Amino acid sequence: MYSVTLQKILQFIVVGAAVGFLISIFVREVNMVYTILLTVIATFLTLMYAELYHIREAINRQRSEQKEYLK
């Protein structure tokens, strides 16, 4: 269980770092370290929102199934 979660986190860090690196290459006026750091943080925030959205949808689906079952 933990290895899958750690593996996902590492993948997200790599994706954020790669995107930040590409942005810092194409936009020469920015600092590479700050760009990579901000991109990794933005990647984590986006993915946390997506995970919470999927959890909320699963809870809503479960509640609607329970209401139908109780009728």
Protein backbone atom coordinates (compact mmCIF):
# COMPACT_ATOMS: atom_id res chain seq x y z
CA MET A 1 0.00 0.00 0.00
CA TYR A 2 2.68 2.49 0.98
CA SER A 3 4.91 1.63 -1.95
CA VAL A 4 2.13 2.45 -4.42
CA THR A 5 1.48 5.80 -2.73
CA LEU A 6 5.18 6.62 -2.57
CA GLN A 7 5.55 5.61 -6.20
CA LYS A 8 2.70 7.95 -7.20
CA ILE A 9 4.24 10.83 -5.26
CA LEU A 10 7.61 10.27 -6.90
CA GLN A 11 5.98 10.17 -10.33
CA PHE A 12 4.21 13.48 -9.62
CA ILE A 13 7.48 15.05 -8.48
CA VAL A 14 9.21 13.91 -11.67
CA VAL A 15 6.39 15.22 -13.86
CA GLY A 16 6.37 18.58 -12.05
CA ALA A 17 10.15 18.86 -12.22
CA ALA A 18 10.21 18.02 -15.93
CA VAL A 19 7.52 20.58 -16.75
CA GLY A 20 9.24 23.20 -14.59
CA PHE A 21 12.54 22.49 -16.29
CA LEU A 22 10.98 22.88 -19.74
CA ILE A 23 9.32 26.14 -18.73
CA SER A 24 12.58 27.51 -17.37
CA ILE A 25 14.38 26.59 -20.59
CA PHE A 26 11.86 28.38 -22.83
CA VAL A 27 11.41 31.40 -20.56
CA ARG A 28 14.92 32.58 -19.83
CA GLU A 29 13.94 35.40 -17.46
CA VAL A 30 12.92 33.06 -14.61
CA ASN A 31 15.01 31.20 -12.07
CA MET A 32 15.09 27.46 -12.76
CA VAL A 33 14.88 26.38 -9.10
CA TYR A 34 11.84 28.54 -8.38
CA THR A 35 10.11 27.41 -11.55
CA ILE A 36 10.63 23.73 -10.78
CA LEU A 37 9.51 24.17 -7.17
CA LEU A 38 6.37 26.09 -8.11
CA THR A 39 5.49 23.61 -10.85
CA VAL A 40 5.85 20.65 -8.47
CA ILE A 41 3.61 22.41 -5.95
CA ALA A 42 1.04 23.24 -8.64
CA THR A 43 1.11 19.62 -9.81
CA PHE A 44 0.45 18.36 -6.29
CA LEU A 45 -2.40 20.82 -5.77
CA THR A 46 -4.02 19.85 -9.05
CA LEU A 47 -3.74 16.14 -8.32
CA MET A 48 -5.05 16.53 -4.76
CA TYR A 49 -8.08 18.36 -6.12
CA ALA A 50 -8.65 15.60 -8.66
CA GLU A 51 -8.38 12.89 -5.99
CA LEU A 52 -10.80 14.73 -3.71
CA TYR A 53 -13.22 15.16 -6.59
CA HIS A 54 -13.15 11.41 -7.30
CA ILE A 55 -13.67 10.63 -3.62
CA ARG A 56 -16.62 13.01 -3.47
CA GLU A 57 -18.16 11.43 -6.56
CA ALA A 58 -17.76 7.95 -5.06
CA ILE A 59 -19.41 9.07 -1.82
CA ASN A 60 -22.30 10.66 -3.70
CA ARG A 61 -22.76 7.52 -5.80
CA GLN A 62 -22.74 5.36 -2.67
CA ARG A 63 -25.29 7.59 -0.94
CA SER A 64 -27.64 7.50 -3.93
CA GLU A 65 -27.36 3.70 -4.10
CA GLN A 66 -28.17 3.46 -0.39
CA LYS A 67 -31.22 5.70 -0.82
CA GLU A 68 -32.48 3.53 -3.68
CA TYR A 69 -31.89 0.40 -1.63
CA LEU A 70 -33.83 1.75 1.34
CA LYS A 71 -36.89 2.64 -0.78
